[in-house]
Amino acid sequence: MNDLEKKELNELLQRLIQIKSVNPPGNEDGIANFIKGFLIKNDIPSELVPLEEGRSSVVAKIEGKEERNITLCGHLDTVRVIEEDWSKPPFQGLMEEGKMYGRGTADMKGGVAAIIYTLILL
């Protein structure tokens, strides 16, 4: 990845961290709508799949010429957080010395950001 792509990926991850999707109750609708809009803005068709009240998933599909398929999958919710227990703000996506801090950076918003950016680079 070049420096611009790294910057864009980090900005995407920061934005995902800033959208609270703590489960319970889930509230994945906010992050799902953001992702859908981001994908559409990047010419990747996507749709929301409602699961239950306040909880949706995003499905995006890129048509190819090969018969083989690949599925990239991740979850949008995070576990509860007690903000006082954190030494860094959990919903900011703070970058310090080349490291990002925030709820979901390792599980699973970092992975979701990588999936989204992979689709953009295809």
N, C-alpha and C. Protein backbone atom coordinates (compact mmCIF):
# COMPACT_ATOMS: atom_id res chain seq x y z
N MET A 1 0.85 -1.19 0.00
CA MET A 1 0.00 0.00 0.00
C MET A 1 0.88 1.24 0.00
N ASN A 2 0.46 2.23 -0.75
CA ASN A 2 1.19 3.49 -0.71
C ASN A 2 0.69 4.34 0.47
N ASP A 3 1.35 5.46 0.70
CA ASP A 3 1.02 6.29 1.86
C ASP A 3 -0.41 6.82 1.82
N LEU A 4 -0.90 7.18 0.64
CA LEU A 4 -2.27 7.68 0.52
C LEU A 4 -3.27 6.59 0.89
N GLU A 5 -3.05 5.38 0.41
CA GLU A 5 -3.94 4.26 0.72
C GLU A 5 -3.93 3.95 2.21
N LYS A 6 -2.75 3.98 2.83
CA LYS A 6 -2.67 3.76 4.28
C LYS A 6 -3.44 4.83 5.04
N LYS A 7 -3.31 6.07 4.61
CA LYS A 7 -4.03 7.18 5.25
C LYS A 7 -5.54 6.98 5.12
N GLU A 8 -5.99 6.63 3.92
CA GLU A 8 -7.42 6.41 3.70
C GLU A 8 -7.95 5.24 4.54
N LEU A 9 -7.19 4.17 4.62
CA LEU A 9 -7.59 3.01 5.42
C LEU A 9 -7.67 3.38 6.90
N ASN A 10 -6.69 4.12 7.40
CA ASN A 10 -6.72 4.56 8.80
C ASN A 10 -7.91 5.47 9.08
N GLU A 11 -8.21 6.37 8.14
CA GLU A 11 -9.36 7.26 8.31
C GLU A 11 -10.66 6.48 8.32
N LEU A 12 -10.76 5.47 7.48
CA LEU A 12 -11.95 4.61 7.46
C LEU A 12 -12.09 3.89 8.80
N LEU A 13 -11.01 3.31 9.30
CA LEU A 13 -11.06 2.62 10.58
C LEU A 13 -11.43 3.58 11.71
N GLN A 14 -10.86 4.78 11.70
CA GLN A 14 -11.22 5.77 12.73
C GLN A 14 -12.71 6.04 12.70
N ARG A 15 -13.26 6.20 11.52
CA ARG A 15 -14.70 6.50 11.41
C ARG A 15 -15.53 5.33 11.94
N LEU A 16 -15.13 4.10 11.64
CA LEU A 16 -15.87 2.94 12.13
C LEU A 16 -15.82 2.88 13.66
N ILE A 17 -14.66 3.17 14.24
CA ILE A 17 -14.52 3.16 15.70
C ILE A 17 -15.42 4.22 16.33
N GLN A 18 -15.57 5.35 15.67
CA GLN A 18 -16.36 6.46 16.20
C GLN A 18 -17.86 6.18 16.20
N ILE A 19 -18.29 5.19 15.45
CA ILE A 19 -19.70 4.81 15.41
C ILE A 19 -19.92 3.72 16.45
N LYS A 20 -20.60 4.06 17.53
CA LYS A 20 -20.81 3.09 18.60
C LYS A 20 -21.77 1.99 18.14
N SER A 21 -21.32 0.76 18.28
CA SER A 21 -22.15 -0.39 17.92
C SER A 21 -22.02 -1.47 19.00
N VAL A 22 -22.10 -1.01 20.25
CA VAL A 22 -21.92 -1.89 21.41
C VAL A 22 -23.11 -2.84 21.53
N ASN A 23 -22.80 -4.10 21.79
CA ASN A 23 -23.83 -5.13 21.93
C ASN A 23 -23.73 -5.77 23.31
N PRO A 24 -24.78 -5.83 24.10
CA PRO A 24 -26.11 -5.34 23.76
C PRO A 24 -26.18 -3.82 23.84
N PRO A 25 -27.06 -3.23 23.13
CA PRO A 25 -28.16 -3.78 22.35
C PRO A 25 -27.79 -4.07 20.90
N GLY A 26 -26.61 -3.69 20.45
CA GLY A 26 -26.24 -3.91 19.06
C GLY A 26 -26.12 -2.61 18.32
N ASN A 27 -27.25 -2.04 17.95
CA ASN A 27 -27.26 -0.76 17.22
C ASN A 27 -26.36 -0.77 15.99
N GLU A 28 -26.35 -1.85 15.27
CA GLU A 28 -25.52 -1.92 14.07
C GLU A 28 -26.08 -1.12 12.90
N ASP A 29 -27.31 -0.64 13.01
CA ASP A 29 -27.89 0.12 11.90
C ASP A 29 -27.03 1.32 11.52
N GLY A 30 -26.51 2.04 12.51
CA GLY A 30 -25.71 3.23 12.23
C GLY A 30 -24.45 2.90 11.44
N ILE A 31 -23.71 1.91 11.89
CA ILE A 31 -22.47 1.55 11.20
C ILE A 31 -22.78 0.87 9.86
N ALA A 32 -23.86 0.09 9.80
CA ALA A 32 -24.24 -0.56 8.55
C ALA A 32 -24.61 0.48 7.49
N ASN A 33 -25.36 1.50 7.89
CA ASN A 33 -25.72 2.57 6.95
C ASN A 33 -24.49 3.34 6.48
N PHE A 34 -23.55 3.59 7.40
CA PHE A 34 -22.32 4.27 7.00
C PHE A 34 -21.56 3.44 5.97
N ILE A 35 -21.40 2.15 6.24
CA ILE A 35 -20.66 1.27 5.33
C ILE A 35 -21.34 1.20 3.97
N LYS A 36 -22.65 1.04 3.97
CA LYS A 36 -23.39 1.00 2.70
C LYS A 36 -23.14 2.27 1.90
N GLY A 37 -23.26 3.42 2.54
CA GLY A 37 -23.03 4.69 1.86
C GLY A 37 -21.60 4.82 1.35
N PHE A 38 -20.65 4.38 2.15
CA PHE A 38 -19.24 4.43 1.77
C PHE A 38 -18.99 3.57 0.54
N LEU A 39 -19.56 2.37 0.54
CA LEU A 39 -19.38 1.47 -0.60
C LEU A 39 -20.03 2.04 -1.86
N ILE A 40 -21.24 2.54 -1.73
CA ILE A 40 -21.94 3.11 -2.89
C ILE A 40 -21.17 4.30 -3.45
N LYS A 41 -20.63 5.14 -2.55
CA LYS A 41 -19.83 6.29 -2.98
C LYS A 41 -18.60 5.83 -3.77
N ASN A 42 -18.15 4.63 -3.51
CA ASN A 42 -17.01 4.06 -4.22
C ASN A 42 -17.43 3.08 -5.31
N ASP A 43 -18.67 3.23 -5.79
CA ASP A 43 -19.20 2.46 -6.92
C ASP A 43 -19.26 0.95 -6.66
N ILE A 44 -19.52 0.59 -5.41
CA ILE A 44 -19.69 -0.82 -5.06
C ILE A 44 -21.13 -1.02 -4.61
N PRO A 45 -21.94 -1.72 -5.41
CA PRO A 45 -23.34 -1.93 -5.04
C PRO A 45 -23.45 -2.66 -3.70
N SER A 46 -24.33 -2.18 -2.85
CA SER A 46 -24.51 -2.82 -1.55
C SER A 46 -25.94 -2.63 -1.08
N GLU A 47 -26.33 -3.46 -0.15
CA GLU A 47 -27.68 -3.36 0.41
C GLU A 47 -27.65 -3.72 1.89
N LEU A 48 -28.63 -3.21 2.61
CA LEU A 48 -28.80 -3.56 4.02
C LEU A 48 -29.69 -4.78 4.13
N VAL A 49 -29.35 -5.65 5.04
CA VAL A 49 -30.17 -6.82 5.34
C VAL A 49 -30.57 -6.71 6.80
N PRO A 50 -31.85 -6.35 7.06
CA PRO A 50 -32.30 -6.22 8.45
C PRO A 50 -32.34 -7.57 9.15
N LEU A 51 -31.82 -7.61 10.36
CA LEU A 51 -31.83 -8.84 11.14
C LEU A 51 -32.90 -8.80 12.22
N GLU A 52 -32.91 -7.72 12.97
CA GLU A 52 -33.94 -7.45 13.97
C GLU A 52 -33.90 -5.95 14.23
N GLU A 53 -34.75 -5.45 15.08
CA GLU A 53 -34.83 -4.02 15.36
C GLU A 53 -33.46 -3.45 15.73
N GLY A 54 -32.99 -2.46 14.93
CA GLY A 54 -31.72 -1.80 15.21
C GLY A 54 -30.48 -2.54 14.76
N ARG A 55 -30.67 -3.70 14.15
CA ARG A 55 -29.52 -4.53 13.78
C ARG A 55 -29.63 -4.95 12.31
N SER A 56 -28.68 -4.47 11.53
CA SER A 56 -28.63 -4.80 10.11
C SER A 56 -27.23 -5.24 9.73
N SER A 57 -27.16 -5.98 8.65
CA SER A 57 -25.89 -6.35 8.04
C SER A 57 -25.81 -5.67 6.68
N VAL A 58 -24.62 -5.64 6.11
CA VAL A 58 -24.40 -5.07 4.79
C VAL A 58 -23.93 -6.19 3.87
N VAL A 59 -24.52 -6.26 2.69
CA VAL A 59 -24.07 -7.21 1.68
C VAL A 59 -23.67 -6.42 0.45
N ALA A 60 -22.45 -6.64 0.00
CA ALA A 60 -21.95 -6.00 -1.22
C ALA A 60 -21.50 -7.10 -2.17
N LYS A 61 -21.70 -6.85 -3.45
CA LYS A 61 -21.35 -7.88 -4.43
C LYS A 61 -20.71 -7.21 -5.63
N ILE A 62 -19.56 -7.73 -6.00
CA ILE A 62 -18.87 -7.26 -7.20
C ILE A 62 -18.89 -8.41 -8.19
N GLU A 63 -19.49 -8.17 -9.35
CA GLU A 63 -19.56 -9.21 -10.37
C GLU A 63 -18.20 -9.33 -11.05
N GLY A 64 -17.80 -10.57 -11.31
CA GLY A 64 -16.54 -10.82 -11.99
C GLY A 64 -16.75 -11.71 -13.19
N LYS A 65 -15.66 -12.04 -13.83
CA LYS A 65 -15.72 -12.88 -15.02
C LYS A 65 -15.45 -14.35 -14.71
N GLU A 66 -14.88 -14.61 -13.58
CA GLU A 66 -14.56 -15.98 -13.18
C GLU A 66 -15.77 -16.63 -12.53
N GLU A 67 -15.81 -17.96 -12.56
CA GLU A 67 -16.89 -18.68 -11.91
C GLU A 67 -16.64 -18.85 -10.42
N ARG A 68 -15.40 -18.69 -10.00
CA ARG A 68 -15.05 -18.84 -8.59
C ARG A 68 -15.48 -17.60 -7.82
N ASN A 69 -15.88 -17.82 -6.57
CA ASN A 69 -16.32 -16.72 -5.72
C ASN A 69 -15.44 -16.63 -4.49
N ILE A 70 -15.45 -15.47 -3.88
CA ILE A 70 -14.79 -15.28 -2.60
C ILE A 70 -15.75 -14.50 -1.70
N THR A 71 -15.81 -14.89 -0.46
CA THR A 71 -16.65 -14.20 0.52
C THR A 71 -15.76 -13.59 1.58
N LEU A 72 -15.98 -12.32 1.86
CA LEU A 72 -15.29 -11.61 2.93
C LEU A 72 -16.34 -11.26 3.96
N CYS A 73 -16.11 -11.63 5.20
CA CYS A 73 -17.16 -11.51 6.21
C CYS A 73 -16.60 -11.00 7.53
N GLY A 74 -17.36 -10.15 8.20
CA GLY A 74 -16.99 -9.68 9.53
C GLY A 74 -18.22 -9.18 10.26
N HIS A 75 -18.11 -9.03 11.57
CA HIS A 75 -19.25 -8.52 12.34
C HIS A 75 -19.05 -7.04 12.67
N LEU A 76 -20.15 -6.35 12.93
CA LEU A 76 -20.12 -4.90 13.12
C LEU A 76 -20.27 -4.48 14.57
N ASP A 77 -20.68 -5.38 15.44
CA ASP A 77 -20.89 -5.01 16.84
C ASP A 77 -19.60 -5.17 17.65
N THR A 78 -19.56 -4.50 18.79
CA THR A 78 -18.44 -4.63 19.72
C THR A 78 -18.99 -5.00 21.09
N VAL A 79 -18.11 -5.45 21.96
CA VAL A 79 -18.52 -5.75 23.33
C VAL A 79 -18.62 -4.47 24.14
N ARG A 80 -19.27 -4.58 25.28
CA ARG A 80 -19.43 -3.42 26.16
C ARG A 80 -18.08 -2.85 26.56
N VAL A 81 -18.12 -1.58 26.93
CA VAL A 81 -16.91 -0.91 27.37
C VAL A 81 -17.22 -0.08 28.61
N ILE A 82 -16.32 -0.14 29.57
CA ILE A 82 -16.39 0.76 30.73
C ILE A 82 -15.31 1.81 30.47
N GLU A 83 -15.74 2.99 30.04
CA GLU A 83 -14.80 4.00 29.57
C GLU A 83 -13.74 4.36 30.60
N GLU A 84 -14.09 4.31 31.89
CA GLU A 84 -13.12 4.65 32.94
C GLU A 84 -11.96 3.65 32.99
N ASP A 85 -12.17 2.45 32.46
CA ASP A 85 -11.13 1.42 32.47
C ASP A 85 -10.12 1.60 31.33
N TRP A 86 -10.40 2.51 30.43
CA TRP A 86 -9.54 2.72 29.27
C TRP A 86 -8.54 3.84 29.55
N SER A 87 -7.31 3.67 29.10
CA SER A 87 -6.31 4.74 29.22
C SER A 87 -6.38 5.69 28.03
N LYS A 88 -7.05 5.27 26.97
CA LYS A 88 -7.27 6.09 25.77
C LYS A 88 -8.78 6.12 25.52
N PRO A 89 -9.26 7.16 24.82
CA PRO A 89 -10.70 7.21 24.52
C PRO A 89 -11.12 6.04 23.63
N PRO A 90 -12.11 5.24 24.06
CA PRO A 90 -12.46 4.03 23.31
C PRO A 90 -13.21 4.27 22.00
N PHE A 91 -13.79 5.45 21.82
CA PHE A 91 -14.59 5.68 20.61
C PHE A 91 -14.06 6.85 19.79
N GLN A 92 -12.75 7.02 19.78
CA GLN A 92 -12.15 8.13 19.04
C GLN A 92 -11.32 7.66 17.85
N GLY A 93 -10.66 6.53 17.99
CA GLY A 93 -9.74 6.09 16.95
C GLY A 93 -8.44 6.88 17.01
N LEU A 94 -7.93 7.05 18.20
CA LEU A 94 -6.73 7.85 18.44
C LEU A 94 -5.50 7.16 17.86
N MET A 95 -4.70 7.93 17.09
CA MET A 95 -3.43 7.44 16.55
C MET A 95 -2.30 8.01 17.39
N GLU A 96 -1.43 7.13 17.89
CA GLU A 96 -0.24 7.54 18.63
C GLU A 96 0.92 6.64 18.24
N GLU A 97 1.99 7.25 17.79
CA GLU A 97 3.21 6.51 17.44
C GLU A 97 2.92 5.34 16.50
N GLY A 98 2.09 5.59 15.50
CA GLY A 98 1.79 4.58 14.50
C GLY A 98 0.82 3.50 14.93
N LYS A 99 0.23 3.65 16.11
CA LYS A 99 -0.75 2.68 16.60
C LYS A 99 -2.10 3.37 16.77
N MET A 100 -3.17 2.62 16.47
CA MET A 100 -4.51 3.15 16.67
C MET A 100 -5.14 2.48 17.89
N TYR A 101 -5.82 3.30 18.69
CA TYR A 101 -6.48 2.83 19.89
C TYR A 101 -7.98 3.07 19.77
N GLY A 102 -8.78 2.10 20.20
CA GLY A 102 -10.22 2.27 20.20
C GLY A 102 -10.92 0.93 20.20
N ARG A 103 -12.17 0.94 20.66
CA ARG A 103 -12.99 -0.28 20.71
C ARG A 103 -13.21 -0.79 19.30
N GLY A 104 -12.79 -2.02 19.08
CA GLY A 104 -13.00 -2.66 17.79
C GLY A 104 -11.79 -2.63 16.87
N THR A 105 -10.69 -1.97 17.28
CA THR A 105 -9.54 -1.92 16.36
C THR A 105 -9.04 -3.31 16.00
N ALA A 106 -9.02 -4.21 16.98
CA ALA A 106 -8.54 -5.57 16.73
C ALA A 106 -9.69 -6.55 16.47
N ASP A 107 -10.86 -6.28 17.01
CA ASP A 107 -12.01 -7.18 16.87
C ASP A 107 -13.28 -6.35 16.80
N MET A 108 -13.73 -6.08 15.72
CA MET A 108 -13.51 -6.59 14.37
C MET A 108 -13.53 -5.43 13.39
N LYS A 109 -13.57 -4.20 13.93
CA LYS A 109 -13.68 -3.06 13.03
C LYS A 109 -12.43 -2.88 12.18
N GLY A 110 -11.26 -3.27 12.71
CA GLY A 110 -10.05 -3.26 11.89
C GLY A 110 -10.18 -4.21 10.72
N GLY A 111 -10.71 -5.39 10.97
CA GLY A 111 -10.93 -6.37 9.90
C GLY A 111 -11.96 -5.91 8.90
N VAL A 112 -13.03 -5.29 9.39
CA VAL A 112 -14.08 -4.78 8.49
C VAL A 112 -13.52 -3.66 7.61
N ALA A 113 -12.71 -2.77 8.19
CA ALA A 113 -12.08 -1.71 7.40
C ALA A 113 -11.20 -2.32 6.31
N ALA A 114 -10.45 -3.37 6.65
CA ALA A 114 -9.59 -4.03 5.67
C ALA A 114 -10.43 -4.67 4.56
N ILE A 115 -11.55 -5.27 4.92
CA ILE A 115 -12.44 -5.87 3.92
C ILE A 115 -12.97 -4.79 2.98
N ILE A 116 -13.47 -3.70 3.54
CA ILE A 116 -14.03 -2.62 2.72
C ILE A 116 -12.97 -2.06 1.78
N TYR A 117 -11.79 -1.82 2.32
CA TYR A 117 -10.74 -1.22 1.49
C TYR A 117 -10.25 -2.20 0.42
N THR A 118 -10.27 -3.49 0.72
CA THR A 118 -9.93 -4.50 -0.28
C THR A 118 -10.89 -4.41 -1.45
N LEU A 119 -12.19 -4.27 -1.16
CA LEU A 119 -13.18 -4.15 -2.24
C LEU A 119 -12.91 -2.92 -3.10
N ILE A 120 -12.51 -1.83 -2.47
CA ILE A 120 -12.22 -0.61 -3.22
C ILE A 120 -11.01 -0.80 -4.13
N LEU A 121 -10.01 -1.52 -3.64
CA LEU A 121 -8.79 -1.71 -4.43
C LEU A 121 -8.96 -2.72 -5.56
N LEU A 122 -10.00 -3.56 -5.49
CA LEU A 122 -10.19 -4.57 -6.55
C LEU A 122 -10.45 -3.93 -7.89
